[in-house]
N, C-alpha and C. Protein backbone atom coordinates (compact mmCIF):
# COMPACT_ATOMS: atom_id res chain seq x y z
N UNK A 1 45.84 -3.83 141.96
CA UNK A 1 46.24 -4.91 141.12
C UNK A 1 45.90 -4.66 139.65
N UNK A 2 44.73 -4.06 139.41
CA UNK A 2 44.31 -3.85 138.02
C UNK A 2 45.26 -2.89 137.31
N UNK A 3 45.71 -1.85 138.00
CA UNK A 3 46.64 -0.89 137.39
C UNK A 3 47.91 -1.59 136.94
N UNK A 4 48.44 -2.45 137.79
CA UNK A 4 49.66 -3.17 137.46
C UNK A 4 49.44 -4.11 136.27
N UNK A 5 48.28 -4.77 136.24
CA UNK A 5 47.97 -5.67 135.12
C UNK A 5 47.87 -4.90 133.81
N UNK A 6 47.22 -3.74 133.85
CA UNK A 6 47.11 -2.91 132.64
C UNK A 6 48.48 -2.45 132.17
N UNK A 7 49.35 -2.12 133.12
CA UNK A 7 50.70 -1.68 132.79
C UNK A 7 51.48 -2.78 132.05
N UNK A 8 51.13 -4.03 132.35
CA UNK A 8 51.80 -5.16 131.70
C UNK A 8 51.09 -5.60 130.42
N UNK A 9 50.05 -4.85 129.99
CA UNK A 9 49.42 -5.14 128.71
C UNK A 9 48.08 -5.84 128.78
N UNK A 10 47.58 -6.13 129.98
CA UNK A 10 46.29 -6.81 130.12
C UNK A 10 45.16 -5.84 129.80
N UNK A 11 44.09 -6.35 129.20
CA UNK A 11 42.91 -5.55 128.90
C UNK A 11 41.68 -6.23 129.49
N UNK A 12 40.67 -5.43 129.85
CA UNK A 12 39.44 -5.96 130.43
C UNK A 12 38.83 -7.00 129.51
N UNK A 13 38.47 -8.15 130.07
CA UNK A 13 37.84 -9.22 129.30
C UNK A 13 38.81 -10.26 128.77
N UNK A 14 40.12 -9.99 128.85
CA UNK A 14 41.12 -10.95 128.41
C UNK A 14 41.43 -11.93 129.52
N UNK A 15 41.80 -13.14 129.14
CA UNK A 15 42.24 -14.12 130.11
C UNK A 15 43.66 -13.85 130.55
N UNK A 16 44.07 -14.49 131.60
CA UNK A 16 45.43 -14.33 132.11
C UNK A 16 46.33 -15.40 131.52
N UNK A 17 47.61 -15.17 131.58
CA UNK A 17 48.58 -16.16 131.12
C UNK A 17 49.22 -15.79 129.80
N UNK A 18 50.19 -16.59 129.41
CA UNK A 18 50.97 -16.33 128.21
C UNK A 18 50.10 -16.25 126.95
N UNK A 19 49.14 -17.16 126.82
CA UNK A 19 48.29 -17.21 125.63
C UNK A 19 46.92 -16.59 125.86
N UNK A 20 46.75 -15.89 126.96
CA UNK A 20 45.49 -15.22 127.30
C UNK A 20 44.33 -16.22 127.38
N UNK A 21 44.62 -17.47 127.81
CA UNK A 21 43.60 -18.50 127.90
C UNK A 21 43.16 -18.76 129.33
N UNK A 22 43.74 -18.05 130.29
CA UNK A 22 43.42 -18.28 131.70
C UNK A 22 42.08 -17.70 132.09
N UNK A 23 41.82 -17.74 133.37
CA UNK A 23 40.55 -17.27 133.90
C UNK A 23 40.33 -15.79 133.59
N UNK A 24 39.09 -15.45 133.28
CA UNK A 24 38.74 -14.07 132.95
C UNK A 24 38.16 -13.37 134.19
N UNK A 25 37.37 -14.10 134.95
CA UNK A 25 36.73 -13.53 136.14
C UNK A 25 37.70 -13.55 137.31
N UNK A 26 37.74 -12.48 138.11
CA UNK A 26 38.61 -12.48 139.29
C UNK A 26 38.09 -13.45 140.34
N UNK A 27 38.98 -13.96 141.15
CA UNK A 27 38.59 -14.83 142.26
C UNK A 27 38.12 -13.93 143.39
N UNK A 28 36.86 -14.10 143.78
CA UNK A 28 36.30 -13.30 144.86
C UNK A 28 36.36 -14.13 146.13
N UNK A 29 37.04 -13.62 147.12
CA UNK A 29 37.16 -14.31 148.39
C UNK A 29 36.31 -13.56 149.40
N UNK A 30 35.28 -14.22 149.88
CA UNK A 30 34.36 -13.59 150.81
C UNK A 30 34.50 -14.27 152.17
N UNK A 31 35.39 -13.75 153.00
CA UNK A 31 35.55 -14.28 154.34
C UNK A 31 36.17 -13.20 155.21
N UNK A 32 36.00 -13.38 156.50
CA UNK A 32 36.54 -12.42 157.45
C UNK A 32 37.93 -12.90 157.87
N UNK A 33 38.90 -12.05 157.69
CA UNK A 33 40.27 -12.38 158.10
C UNK A 33 40.54 -11.68 159.41
N UNK A 34 40.74 -12.46 160.43
CA UNK A 34 41.12 -11.89 161.71
C UNK A 34 42.44 -12.53 162.13
N UNK A 35 42.86 -12.30 163.32
CA UNK A 35 44.15 -12.81 163.76
C UNK A 35 44.17 -14.34 163.86
N UNK A 36 43.01 -14.98 163.91
CA UNK A 36 42.97 -16.42 164.09
C UNK A 36 43.11 -17.20 162.79
N UNK A 37 42.84 -16.58 161.66
CA UNK A 37 42.87 -17.31 160.39
C UNK A 37 43.99 -16.79 159.51
N UNK A 38 44.43 -17.62 158.61
CA UNK A 38 45.53 -17.29 157.72
C UNK A 38 44.98 -17.13 156.31
N UNK A 39 45.13 -15.96 155.67
CA UNK A 39 44.54 -15.73 154.34
C UNK A 39 45.07 -16.66 153.25
N UNK A 40 46.31 -17.11 153.36
CA UNK A 40 46.85 -18.03 152.36
C UNK A 40 46.11 -19.36 152.43
N UNK A 41 45.85 -19.84 153.64
CA UNK A 41 45.09 -21.08 153.79
C UNK A 41 43.70 -20.95 153.21
N UNK A 42 43.07 -19.81 153.43
CA UNK A 42 41.73 -19.58 152.88
C UNK A 42 41.76 -19.57 151.36
N UNK A 43 42.79 -18.99 150.76
CA UNK A 43 42.91 -18.95 149.30
C UNK A 43 43.10 -20.36 148.74
N UNK A 44 43.93 -21.16 149.38
CA UNK A 44 44.16 -22.53 148.93
C UNK A 44 42.88 -23.35 149.05
N UNK A 45 42.16 -23.20 150.16
CA UNK A 45 40.89 -23.91 150.33
C UNK A 45 39.90 -23.52 149.24
N UNK A 46 39.84 -22.24 148.90
CA UNK A 46 38.93 -21.77 147.86
C UNK A 46 39.30 -22.36 146.51
N UNK A 47 40.59 -22.40 146.20
CA UNK A 47 41.03 -22.99 144.93
C UNK A 47 40.66 -24.46 144.86
N UNK A 48 40.85 -25.18 145.96
CA UNK A 48 40.48 -26.60 145.98
C UNK A 48 38.99 -26.78 145.81
N UNK A 49 38.21 -25.95 146.45
CA UNK A 49 36.75 -26.04 146.37
C UNK A 49 36.25 -25.79 144.95
N UNK A 50 36.85 -24.81 144.28
CA UNK A 50 36.44 -24.46 142.91
C UNK A 50 37.18 -25.28 141.85
N UNK A 51 38.06 -26.18 142.29
CA UNK A 51 38.83 -27.05 141.41
C UNK A 51 39.63 -26.26 140.37
N UNK A 52 40.30 -25.21 140.87
CA UNK A 52 41.20 -24.44 140.02
C UNK A 52 42.62 -24.58 140.56
N UNK A 53 43.60 -24.29 139.73
CA UNK A 53 44.99 -24.46 140.11
C UNK A 53 45.36 -23.51 141.25
N UNK A 54 46.09 -24.04 142.22
CA UNK A 54 46.54 -23.22 143.33
C UNK A 54 47.67 -22.31 142.88
N UNK A 55 47.77 -21.11 143.47
CA UNK A 55 48.86 -20.21 143.11
C UNK A 55 50.20 -20.74 143.64
N UNK A 56 51.27 -20.38 142.96
CA UNK A 56 52.61 -20.70 143.43
C UNK A 56 53.10 -19.55 144.29
N UNK A 57 53.64 -19.88 145.45
CA UNK A 57 54.17 -18.86 146.35
C UNK A 57 55.68 -18.96 146.35
N UNK A 58 56.36 -17.84 146.13
CA UNK A 58 57.82 -17.80 146.11
C UNK A 58 58.27 -16.87 147.23
N UNK A 59 59.12 -17.40 148.14
CA UNK A 59 59.59 -16.58 149.24
C UNK A 59 60.61 -15.56 148.73
N UNK A 60 60.37 -14.30 149.03
CA UNK A 60 61.24 -13.21 148.59
C UNK A 60 62.20 -12.80 149.71
N UNK A 61 61.71 -12.83 150.95
CA UNK A 61 62.52 -12.33 152.07
C UNK A 61 62.02 -12.97 153.36
N UNK A 62 62.91 -13.19 154.30
CA UNK A 62 62.52 -13.60 155.65
C UNK A 62 63.40 -12.89 156.65
N UNK A 63 62.84 -12.64 157.83
CA UNK A 63 63.58 -11.94 158.87
C UNK A 63 63.03 -12.32 160.23
N UNK A 64 63.70 -11.88 161.25
CA UNK A 64 63.24 -12.10 162.62
C UNK A 64 63.91 -13.29 163.27
N UNK A 65 63.75 -13.38 164.60
CA UNK A 65 64.33 -14.50 165.33
C UNK A 65 63.62 -15.81 164.99
N UNK A 66 64.26 -16.93 165.32
CA UNK A 66 63.72 -18.25 164.97
C UNK A 66 62.32 -18.48 165.53
N UNK A 67 62.03 -17.95 166.70
CA UNK A 67 60.73 -18.21 167.31
C UNK A 67 59.63 -17.27 166.80
N UNK A 68 59.99 -16.30 165.97
CA UNK A 68 58.98 -15.36 165.45
C UNK A 68 59.41 -14.84 164.08
N UNK A 69 59.44 -15.72 163.11
CA UNK A 69 59.89 -15.37 161.76
C UNK A 69 58.82 -14.58 161.01
N UNK A 70 59.27 -13.68 160.16
CA UNK A 70 58.41 -12.96 159.23
C UNK A 70 58.83 -13.34 157.82
N UNK A 71 57.85 -13.64 156.97
CA UNK A 71 58.13 -14.06 155.60
C UNK A 71 57.41 -13.15 154.63
N UNK A 72 58.04 -12.89 153.49
CA UNK A 72 57.42 -12.12 152.41
C UNK A 72 57.40 -13.01 151.17
N UNK A 73 56.19 -13.26 150.67
CA UNK A 73 56.02 -14.10 149.49
C UNK A 73 55.48 -13.27 148.35
N UNK A 74 55.75 -13.71 147.12
CA UNK A 74 55.13 -13.08 145.96
C UNK A 74 54.43 -14.14 145.16
């Protein structure tokens, strides 16, 4: 992720966003992800707990039969 951010002009210590006013520290998620838990749910719970804005998820692609769909979000 850091390589991609640097490619887009981000520098260490700068905030995120259009005006570079966003969060400077990365969000550290410390939990075990196994087949029983969903990482998106854990991320949303963490954002709520820290009272920060939740990320927007945009569906890019979906495939598979109705009873077993696969989704790709960005």
